[in-house]
């Protein structure tokens, strides 16, 4: 039985405390009025406020200088826009961290179900590692649900389509495009879909974990067969709901834009991050003397999946960009303009280096896939790269040019990383790390690539 070390537990708790304090500081220091924004601009305190000043000045120059009242109204409108963007920054940081660690648990659950449905024999010795990681799905779901409820209750300005003025023909903000999408993008239906996603994913996790443990002491394969059937149905459910989730939670942050590849793109980020964490936790437990049946061939296969899905992510990243950019449709290319030509360009291009160039250079060699320290090094790079990927998905549509990496972003990572580590490693102590009742266990124990 694995025992959660005091050092690791203390480290997780310290991360959560530091993260919580940093987030409290971030929310406390956001401007509360347009007067605060104007004062911040006048003092040029940071890049964020300087960018906001330039934006307002540009719009002011475009106004008729003879119409003082109109000019003042325009300035006030853009000050309000800057205020919402600055207030969104800590919310966006929290959302990115919530989603990033939640998607790792969800991706691990999907990978786990794939092993059951395909009746794979190599991966059985890793099942309890996967089950430990998926334990984060429930607390991650609760944080995600709370965040989305706050958003639906207008506690932040992340989802612009939730503004009722956009659907009022008498309003100056009336938006015909969003009106046409209102059958799908409306708060009640959006929240119903969210409940369905979270309930379905968590029910499968509870069901599969329960029968996996029962199979350890069973005299027949009844529990294994139940998990096999449940995994097949779950993967069908997951294939549909994962795509819809990516539309609802992320793509709707820029509601005028749409991409038929976006669900697959989010999946590629989700699955490669999950497999990377599975590999890193496995290596940690193995070095601590646990998982004695995990050999270099198991690590090789995990690294091979990391390598393969990194290439898959790059294919989707380029395909989505190329098709939209080549078509040169304003309503589509508007998504890439701030990312490729604006202030997000270093992140947008840089994540390709982190998520493709480094993995392919390091993991191309078959022998390197068997070296734990190579896998750990690559895994850290991949996770940083895909965190940047999620950041670039969410921040431009919510924070605009008022972004920076500071206290709110670092604190959000600290808090949810600490929570993730605490939940996962605590879950690993709840059951033996050897799923001895699985009928393919002998094949997995003697697996050689």
Protein backbone atom coordinates (compact mmCIF):
# COMPACT_ATOMS: atom_id res chain seq x y z
CA UNK A 1 0.00 0.00 0.00
CA UNK A 2 1.22 3.43 -0.88
CA UNK A 3 1.65 5.93 1.96
CA UNK A 4 1.26 9.66 1.29
CA UNK A 5 4.55 11.17 2.46
CA UNK A 6 4.38 14.03 4.95
CA UNK A 7 6.73 16.13 2.81
CA UNK A 8 4.54 15.81 -0.27
CA UNK A 9 1.37 16.46 1.73
CA UNK A 10 2.88 19.54 3.36
CA UNK A 11 4.09 20.81 -0.01
CA UNK A 12 0.59 20.47 -1.47
CA UNK A 13 -0.97 22.30 1.48
CA UNK A 14 1.60 25.11 1.28
CA UNK A 15 0.88 25.54 -2.43
CA UNK A 16 -2.84 25.78 -1.73
CA UNK A 17 -2.35 28.36 1.02
CA UNK A 18 0.01 30.49 -1.07
CA UNK A 19 -2.34 30.23 -4.03
CA UNK A 20 -5.38 31.21 -2.01
CA UNK A 21 -3.61 34.23 -0.52
CA UNK A 22 -2.37 35.33 -3.94
CA UNK A 23 -5.82 35.01 -5.49
CA UNK A 24 -7.38 36.98 -2.64
CA UNK A 25 -4.80 39.72 -3.25
CA UNK A 26 -5.51 39.66 -7.00
CA UNK A 27 -9.26 40.03 -6.62
CA UNK A 28 -8.83 42.74 -4.00
CA UNK A 29 -6.63 44.85 -6.27
CA UNK A 30 -8.73 44.89 -9.44
CA UNK A 31 -10.17 48.32 -10.33
CA UNK A 32 -13.76 48.79 -9.22
CA UNK A 33 -14.73 51.73 -11.43
CA UNK A 34 -13.80 53.54 -14.64
CA UNK A 35 -12.30 56.28 -12.46
CA UNK A 36 -9.84 53.72 -11.10
CA UNK A 37 -8.99 52.64 -14.64
CA UNK A 38 -8.41 56.23 -15.70
CA UNK A 39 -6.15 56.82 -12.72
CA UNK A 40 -4.18 53.67 -13.48
CA UNK A 41 -3.72 54.84 -17.06
CA UNK A 42 -2.55 58.26 -16.02
CA UNK A 43 0.19 56.79 -13.85
CA UNK A 44 1.29 54.22 -16.49
CA UNK A 45 1.72 51.64 -13.76
CA UNK A 46 2.20 48.61 -16.02
CA UNK A 47 1.95 47.25 -19.54
CA UNK A 48 -1.68 46.38 -19.07
CA UNK A 49 -2.78 49.90 -18.19
CA UNK A 50 -0.48 51.42 -20.83
CA UNK A 51 -2.14 49.28 -23.52
CA UNK A 52 -5.55 50.35 -22.25
CA UNK A 53 -4.47 54.01 -22.50
CA UNK A 54 -3.37 53.57 -26.11
CA UNK A 55 -6.63 51.85 -26.98
CA UNK A 56 -8.75 54.65 -25.53
CA UNK A 57 -6.58 57.32 -27.17
CA UNK A 58 -6.90 55.64 -30.58
CA UNK A 59 -10.67 55.59 -30.32
CA UNK A 60 -10.72 59.20 -29.15
CA UNK A 61 -8.73 60.33 -32.19
CA UNK A 62 -11.24 58.61 -34.45
CA UNK A 63 -14.12 60.59 -32.97
CA UNK A 64 -15.36 63.85 -34.34
CA UNK A 65 -13.40 66.37 -32.33
CA UNK A 66 -16.17 68.90 -32.70
CA UNK A 67 -18.64 66.65 -30.95
CA UNK A 68 -17.43 66.81 -27.38
CA UNK A 69 -20.34 64.92 -25.90
CA UNK A 70 -19.98 62.04 -28.36
CA UNK A 71 -16.26 61.94 -27.69
CA UNK A 72 -16.80 61.72 -23.96
CA UNK A 73 -19.35 58.95 -24.40
CA UNK A 74 -16.94 56.97 -26.56
CA UNK A 75 -14.14 57.38 -24.05
CA UNK A 76 -16.45 56.24 -21.25
CA UNK A 77 -17.48 53.19 -23.30
CA UNK A 78 -13.88 52.15 -23.84
CA UNK A 79 -12.99 52.82 -20.23
CA UNK A 80 -15.85 50.48 -19.30
CA UNK A 81 -14.50 47.89 -21.72
CA UNK A 82 -11.03 48.21 -20.18
CA UNK A 83 -12.55 47.95 -16.68
CA UNK A 84 -14.30 44.68 -17.55
CA UNK A 85 -11.11 43.30 -19.10
CA UNK A 86 -9.07 44.14 -16.01
CA UNK A 87 -11.72 42.68 -13.72
CA UNK A 88 -11.74 39.56 -15.88
CA UNK A 89 -8.04 38.92 -15.44
CA UNK A 90 -8.11 37.07 -12.07
CA UNK A 91 -11.32 35.27 -13.12
CA UNK A 92 -9.64 34.14 -16.33
CA UNK A 93 -6.57 32.98 -14.38
CA UNK A 94 -8.77 30.90 -12.09
CA UNK A 95 -10.74 29.48 -15.02
CA UNK A 96 -7.57 28.45 -16.86
CA UNK A 97 -6.20 26.65 -13.79
CA UNK A 98 -9.55 24.98 -13.01
CA UNK A 99 -9.90 23.72 -16.57
CA UNK A 100 -6.28 22.63 -16.95
CA UNK A 101 -6.23 20.29 -13.95
CA UNK A 102 -9.80 19.18 -14.54
CA UNK A 103 -8.98 18.18 -18.12
CA UNK A 104 -6.01 16.10 -16.91
CA UNK A 105 -8.35 14.04 -14.73
CA UNK A 106 -10.92 13.79 -17.52
CA UNK A 107 -8.26 12.79 -20.05
CA UNK A 108 -6.93 10.12 -17.70
CA UNK A 109 -10.48 8.77 -17.35
CA UNK A 110 -10.88 8.60 -21.14
CA UNK A 111 -7.50 6.85 -21.51
CA UNK A 112 -8.50 4.41 -18.76
CA UNK A 113 -11.78 3.64 -20.54
CA UNK A 114 -9.90 3.08 -23.81
CA UNK A 115 -7.76 0.42 -22.10
CA UNK A 116 -10.88 -1.40 -20.89
CA UNK A 117 -12.80 -1.11 -24.16
CA UNK A 118 -9.83 -2.26 -26.26
CA UNK A 119 -8.98 -5.02 -23.77
CA UNK A 120 -5.38 -3.85 -23.76
CA UNK A 121 -3.03 -6.03 -21.78
CA UNK A 122 0.06 -3.84 -21.41
CA UNK A 123 -1.46 -1.13 -19.23
CA UNK A 124 -3.12 -3.04 -16.38
CA UNK A 125 -0.26 -2.43 -13.93
CA UNK A 126 -0.96 1.29 -14.43
CA UNK A 127 -4.69 1.10 -13.67
CA UNK A 128 -4.46 2.23 -10.05
CA UNK A 129 -2.30 5.19 -11.10
CA UNK A 130 -5.01 6.20 -13.58
CA UNK A 131 -7.71 5.70 -10.95
CA UNK A 132 -5.77 7.88 -8.53
CA UNK A 133 -5.50 10.70 -11.08
CA UNK A 134 -9.20 10.45 -11.96
CA UNK A 135 -10.03 10.93 -8.27
CA UNK A 136 -9.52 14.65 -8.95
CA UNK A 137 -12.48 14.60 -11.34
CA UNK A 138 -15.05 15.13 -8.56
CA UNK A 139 -13.43 18.12 -6.77
CA UNK A 140 -12.44 19.50 -10.17
CA UNK A 141 -16.05 19.19 -11.32
CA UNK A 142 -17.31 21.00 -8.23
CA UNK A 143 -14.93 23.91 -8.82
CA UNK A 144 -15.86 24.01 -12.49
CA UNK A 145 -19.57 23.94 -11.70
CA UNK A 146 -19.21 26.70 -9.10
CA UNK A 147 -17.26 28.84 -11.53
CA UNK A 148 -19.79 28.41 -14.33
CA UNK A 149 -22.71 29.15 -11.98
CA UNK A 150 -20.97 32.38 -10.91
CA UNK A 151 -20.49 33.25 -14.59
CA UNK A 152 -24.14 32.50 -15.37
CA UNK A 153 -25.18 34.70 -12.44
CA UNK A 154 -23.18 37.58 -14.00
CA UNK A 155 -20.49 37.40 -11.34
CA UNK A 156 -17.93 38.16 -14.04
CA UNK A 157 -17.80 39.35 -17.65
CA UNK A 158 -16.09 36.36 -19.27
CA UNK A 159 -19.00 35.18 -21.40
CA UNK A 160 -20.11 38.25 -23.35
CA UNK A 161 -23.05 36.38 -24.90
CA UNK A 162 -24.71 36.34 -21.46
CA UNK A 163 -25.38 40.10 -21.69
CA UNK A 164 -29.18 40.43 -22.16
CA UNK A 165 -28.79 43.72 -24.09
CA UNK A 166 -27.32 41.77 -27.00
CA UNK A 167 -30.70 40.14 -27.61
CA UNK A 168 -32.84 43.26 -27.26
CA UNK A 169 -33.68 44.76 -30.69
CA UNK A 170 -34.22 48.12 -29.01
CA UNK A 171 -30.71 48.16 -27.55
CA UNK A 172 -27.71 49.77 -29.27
CA UNK A 173 -25.80 46.59 -28.38
CA UNK A 174 -28.22 44.32 -30.26
CA UNK A 175 -26.29 41.51 -32.01
CA UNK A 176 -27.96 39.65 -34.87
CA UNK A 177 -25.33 36.92 -34.94
CA UNK A 178 -25.79 36.07 -31.28
CA UNK A 179 -29.54 36.28 -31.65
CA UNK A 180 -29.34 33.59 -34.32
CA UNK A 181 -27.29 31.43 -31.92
CA UNK A 182 -29.53 32.05 -28.91
CA UNK A 183 -31.33 28.70 -29.32
CA UNK A 184 -28.02 27.13 -28.24
CA UNK A 185 -26.27 29.90 -26.33
CA UNK A 186 -28.75 30.61 -23.58
CA UNK A 187 -28.01 30.24 -19.89
CA UNK A 188 -30.63 27.59 -18.91
CA UNK A 189 -29.72 25.20 -21.74
CA UNK A 190 -26.01 25.90 -21.25
CA UNK A 191 -26.21 24.99 -17.56
CA UNK A 192 -28.31 21.88 -18.26
CA UNK A 193 -25.64 20.65 -20.67
CA UNK A 194 -22.96 21.33 -18.04
CA UNK A 195 -24.83 19.26 -15.44
CA UNK A 196 -25.22 16.40 -17.92
CA UNK A 197 -21.51 16.40 -18.79
CA UNK A 198 -20.31 16.46 -15.20
CA UNK A 199 -22.81 13.89 -13.93
CA UNK A 200 -22.06 11.48 -16.77
CA UNK A 201 -18.30 11.68 -16.41
CA UNK A 202 -18.35 11.37 -12.63
CA UNK A 203 -20.84 8.49 -12.67
CA UNK A 204 -18.59 6.45 -14.94
CA UNK A 205 -15.60 7.22 -12.75
CA UNK A 206 -17.48 6.07 -9.63
CA UNK A 207 -18.84 2.94 -11.36
CA UNK A 208 -15.51 1.86 -12.89
CA UNK A 209 -13.52 2.45 -9.72
CA UNK A 210 -16.05 0.51 -7.65
CA UNK A 211 -16.00 -2.55 -9.89
CA UNK A 212 -12.24 -2.39 -10.37
CA UNK A 213 -11.79 -2.76 -6.61
CA UNK A 214 -14.45 -5.47 -6.36
CA UNK A 215 -12.72 -7.47 -9.08
CA UNK A 216 -9.65 -7.84 -6.84
CA UNK A 217 -11.50 -10.24 -4.56
CA UNK A 218 -14.03 -11.68 -7.04
CA UNK A 219 -14.06 -15.37 -8.00
CA UNK A 220 -15.27 -14.65 -11.54
CA UNK A 221 -15.06 -11.87 -14.12
CA UNK A 222 -18.46 -10.29 -13.54
CA UNK A 223 -17.04 -6.95 -12.41
CA UNK A 224 -14.51 -6.84 -15.23
CA UNK A 225 -17.27 -7.45 -17.78
CA UNK A 226 -19.37 -4.67 -16.25
CA UNK A 227 -16.47 -2.28 -16.58
CA UNK A 228 -15.86 -3.38 -20.16
CA UNK A 229 -19.45 -2.65 -21.17
CA UNK A 230 -19.57 0.60 -19.20
CA UNK A 231 -16.34 1.77 -20.85
CA UNK A 232 -17.72 1.24 -24.35
CA UNK A 233 -20.82 3.31 -23.57
CA UNK A 234 -18.76 5.94 -21.76
CA UNK A 235 -16.46 6.45 -24.73
CA UNK A 236 -19.48 7.06 -26.97
CA UNK A 237 -20.82 9.52 -24.40
CA UNK A 238 -17.41 11.14 -24.00
CA UNK A 239 -16.87 11.58 -27.75
CA UNK A 240 -20.03 13.66 -27.97
CA UNK A 241 -19.89 15.55 -24.69
CA UNK A 242 -16.19 16.46 -24.88
CA UNK A 243 -16.75 18.31 -28.15
CA UNK A 244 -19.85 20.09 -26.85
CA UNK A 245 -18.02 20.96 -23.63
CA UNK A 246 -15.23 22.60 -25.61
CA UNK A 247 -17.78 24.65 -27.57
CA UNK A 248 -19.73 25.66 -24.47
CA UNK A 249 -16.94 26.42 -22.02
CA UNK A 250 -14.17 27.76 -24.25
CA UNK A 251 -15.26 28.50 -27.82
CA UNK A 252 -18.26 30.52 -26.61
CA UNK A 253 -15.83 32.98 -24.98
CA UNK A 254 -15.52 34.34 -28.53
CA UNK A 255 -19.10 33.66 -29.62
CA UNK A 256 -18.86 35.11 -33.15
CA UNK A 257 -16.17 32.56 -34.00
CA UNK A 258 -16.56 28.86 -34.62
CA UNK A 259 -14.40 25.95 -35.74
CA UNK A 260 -15.43 22.42 -36.59
CA UNK A 261 -11.98 21.22 -35.47
CA UNK A 262 -12.10 22.85 -32.05
CA UNK A 263 -13.48 19.84 -30.17
CA UNK A 264 -10.70 17.64 -31.53
CA UNK A 265 -8.14 20.33 -30.79
CA UNK A 266 -9.17 20.51 -27.12
CA UNK A 267 -9.20 16.70 -26.98
CA UNK A 268 -5.61 16.54 -28.23
CA UNK A 269 -4.52 18.93 -25.47
CA UNK A 270 -6.53 17.01 -22.91
CA UNK A 271 -5.28 13.51 -23.77
CA UNK A 272 -1.58 14.32 -24.15
CA UNK A 273 -1.56 16.22 -20.84
CA UNK A 274 -3.29 13.31 -19.09
CA UNK A 275 -0.89 10.67 -20.45
CA UNK A 276 2.04 12.88 -19.47
CA UNK A 277 0.81 13.08 -15.88
CA UNK A 278 0.18 9.31 -15.82
CA UNK A 279 3.80 8.78 -16.88
CA UNK A 280 5.18 11.24 -14.32
CA UNK A 281 3.17 9.80 -11.39
CA UNK A 282 4.14 6.28 -12.46
CA UNK A 283 7.83 7.17 -12.49
CA UNK A 284 7.54 8.83 -9.07
CA UNK A 285 5.85 5.79 -7.51
CA UNK A 286 8.29 3.41 -9.16
CA UNK A 287 11.29 5.32 -7.82
CA UNK A 288 9.72 5.16 -4.34
CA UNK A 289 9.67 1.37 -4.52
CA UNK A 290 6.07 0.89 -5.54
CA UNK A 291 4.75 -0.55 -8.83
CA UNK A 292 7.42 -3.30 -9.01
CA UNK A 293 5.86 -4.77 -12.14
CA UNK A 294 6.20 -1.56 -14.12
CA UNK A 295 9.20 -1.97 -16.42
CA UNK A 296 10.94 0.08 -19.09
CA UNK A 297 8.55 -1.20 -21.75
CA UNK A 298 5.59 0.35 -19.93
CA UNK A 299 7.44 3.67 -19.73
CA UNK A 300 8.35 3.35 -23.40
CA UNK A 301 4.68 2.97 -24.37
CA UNK A 302 3.60 5.93 -22.25
CA UNK A 303 6.34 8.07 -23.82
CA UNK A 304 5.30 6.80 -27.24
CA UNK A 305 1.75 8.03 -26.59
CA UNK A 306 3.16 11.38 -25.42
CA UNK A 307 5.15 11.57 -28.66
CA UNK A 308 2.26 10.49 -30.89
CA UNK A 309 -0.36 12.78 -29.39
CA UNK A 310 2.07 15.72 -29.50
CA UNK A 311 2.25 15.22 -33.27
CA UNK A 312 -1.55 14.84 -33.37
CA UNK A 313 -1.94 18.15 -31.49
CA UNK A 314 0.41 19.87 -33.94
CA UNK A 315 -1.54 18.52 -36.90
CA UNK A 316 -4.79 19.94 -35.50
CA UNK A 317 -3.17 23.23 -34.48
CA UNK A 318 -1.86 23.77 -37.99
CA UNK A 319 -4.98 22.47 -39.75
CA UNK A 320 -7.32 24.77 -37.81
CA UNK A 321 -5.05 27.75 -38.41
CA UNK A 322 -4.32 27.02 -42.07
CA UNK A 323 -7.92 26.41 -43.16
CA UNK A 324 -9.26 29.54 -41.48
CA UNK A 325 -6.35 31.81 -42.42
CA UNK A 326 -6.31 30.64 -46.03
CA UNK A 327 -10.06 31.21 -46.40
CA UNK A 328 -9.48 34.81 -45.24
CA UNK A 329 -13.00 35.18 -43.86
CA UNK A 330 -13.11 38.18 -41.49
CA UNK A 331 -15.45 36.51 -39.00
CA UNK A 332 -13.07 33.53 -38.79
CA UNK A 333 -9.63 35.16 -39.07
CA UNK A 334 -10.61 37.59 -36.30
CA UNK A 335 -9.86 34.74 -33.88
CA UNK A 336 -6.25 34.48 -35.04
CA UNK A 337 -5.52 38.19 -35.46
CA UNK A 338 -4.74 38.93 -31.77
CA UNK A 339 -3.02 35.56 -31.36
CA UNK A 340 -0.76 35.67 -34.40
CA UNK A 341 -0.42 39.40 -35.10
CA UNK A 342 -1.14 40.90 -31.68
CA UNK A 343 0.44 40.78 -28.25
CA UNK A 344 -0.17 37.01 -27.90
CA UNK A 345 2.15 36.16 -30.80
CA UNK A 346 5.08 34.95 -28.61
CA UNK A 347 2.74 32.60 -26.74
CA UNK A 348 0.94 31.41 -29.87
CA UNK A 349 4.17 30.56 -31.69
CA UNK A 350 6.05 29.55 -28.55
CA UNK A 351 3.61 26.82 -27.57
CA UNK A 352 4.39 25.04 -30.88
CA UNK A 353 8.02 24.85 -29.78
CA UNK A 354 7.03 23.53 -26.35
CA UNK A 355 4.34 21.12 -27.54
CA UNK A 356 5.93 19.84 -30.74
CA UNK A 357 9.60 20.70 -31.28
CA UNK A 358 10.85 19.65 -27.84
CA UNK A 359 8.83 16.39 -27.62
CA UNK A 360 9.78 15.29 -31.14
CA UNK A 361 13.48 16.05 -30.61
CA UNK A 362 13.65 14.38 -27.19
CA UNK A 363 11.32 11.41 -27.70
CA UNK A 364 12.13 10.56 -31.32
CA UNK A 365 14.83 8.12 -30.18
CA UNK A 366 13.32 4.86 -28.94
CA UNK A 367 15.96 4.43 -26.22
CA UNK A 368 15.17 7.83 -24.70
CA UNK A 369 11.57 6.74 -24.19
CA UNK A 370 12.84 4.27 -21.58
CA UNK A 371 14.78 6.82 -19.53
CA UNK A 372 12.72 8.17 -16.61
CA UNK A 373 14.54 11.50 -16.37
CA UNK A 374 14.04 12.11 -20.10
CA UNK A 375 10.33 11.42 -19.74
CA UNK A 376 10.07 13.73 -16.71
CA UNK A 377 11.92 16.53 -18.52
CA UNK A 378 9.74 16.17 -21.59
CA UNK A 379 6.63 15.91 -19.43
CA UNK A 380 7.35 19.20 -17.67
CA UNK A 381 7.85 20.93 -21.02
CA UNK A 382 4.65 19.43 -22.44
CA UNK A 383 2.56 20.44 -19.42
CA UNK A 384 3.90 24.00 -19.50
CA UNK A 385 3.21 24.13 -23.23
CA UNK A 386 -0.35 22.94 -22.89
CA UNK A 387 -1.01 25.29 -20.01
CA UNK A 388 0.06 28.07 -22.37
CA UNK A 389 -2.24 26.51 -24.97
CA UNK A 390 -5.24 26.79 -22.63
CA UNK A 391 -4.13 30.30 -21.69
CA UNK A 392 -4.12 31.35 -25.35
CA UNK A 393 -7.54 29.75 -25.88
CA UNK A 394 -9.16 31.67 -23.02
CA UNK A 395 -7.36 34.95 -22.34
CA UNK A 396 -7.63 36.88 -25.64
CA UNK A 397 -11.43 36.69 -25.63
CA UNK A 398 -11.77 37.63 -21.96
CA UNK A 399 -8.85 39.91 -21.05
CA UNK A 400 -7.81 41.18 -24.47
CA UNK A 401 -4.59 43.21 -24.49
CA UNK A 402 -4.72 43.73 -20.72
CA UNK A 403 -2.90 40.48 -19.98
CA UNK A 404 0.31 39.67 -18.20
CA UNK A 405 1.72 36.80 -16.17
CA UNK A 406 1.65 37.94 -12.58
CA UNK A 407 0.28 37.19 -9.13
CA UNK A 408 -3.17 36.05 -10.23
CA UNK A 409 -1.87 33.60 -12.85
CA UNK A 410 0.86 32.11 -10.64
CA UNK A 411 -1.42 31.93 -7.61
CA UNK A 412 -4.13 30.09 -9.54
CA UNK A 413 -1.59 27.50 -10.67
CA UNK A 414 -0.26 27.11 -7.12
CA UNK A 415 -3.68 26.58 -5.59
CA UNK A 416 -5.00 24.03 -8.08
CA UNK A 417 -1.66 22.24 -8.42
CA UNK A 418 -1.59 21.82 -4.65
CA UNK A 419 -5.18 20.59 -4.64
CA UNK A 420 -4.48 18.21 -7.51
CA UNK A 421 -1.42 16.71 -5.82
CA UNK A 422 -3.24 16.36 -2.50
CA UNK A 423 -6.31 14.65 -3.97
CA UNK A 424 -4.42 12.33 -6.33
CA UNK A 425 -1.82 11.07 -3.90
CA UNK A 426 -4.35 10.76 -1.11
CA UNK A 427 -6.51 8.62 -3.42
CA UNK A 428 -3.54 6.37 -4.17
CA UNK A 429 -3.43 5.38 -0.48
CA UNK A 430 -7.00 4.05 -0.53
CA UNK A 431 -6.37 0.76 -2.35
CA UNK A 432 -3.50 -1.58 -3.31
CA UNK A 433 -1.61 -0.33 -6.37
CA UNK A 434 -1.81 -3.77 -7.97
CA UNK A 435 -5.16 -4.56 -9.67
CA UNK A 436 -4.65 -8.29 -9.19
CA UNK A 437 -8.17 -9.34 -10.19
CA UNK A 438 -7.89 -8.13 -13.77
CA UNK A 439 -7.71 -11.09 -16.20
CA UNK A 440 -4.92 -9.43 -18.21
CA UNK A 441 -2.68 -8.75 -15.23
CA UNK A 442 -0.18 -11.54 -16.01
CA UNK A 443 0.22 -10.22 -19.54
CA UNK A 444 0.87 -6.76 -18.16
CA UNK A 445 3.36 -7.99 -15.54
CA UNK A 446 5.45 -9.72 -18.21
CA UNK A 447 4.98 -7.11 -20.90
CA UNK A 448 7.98 -6.50 -23.13
CA UNK A 449 8.13 -4.24 -26.15
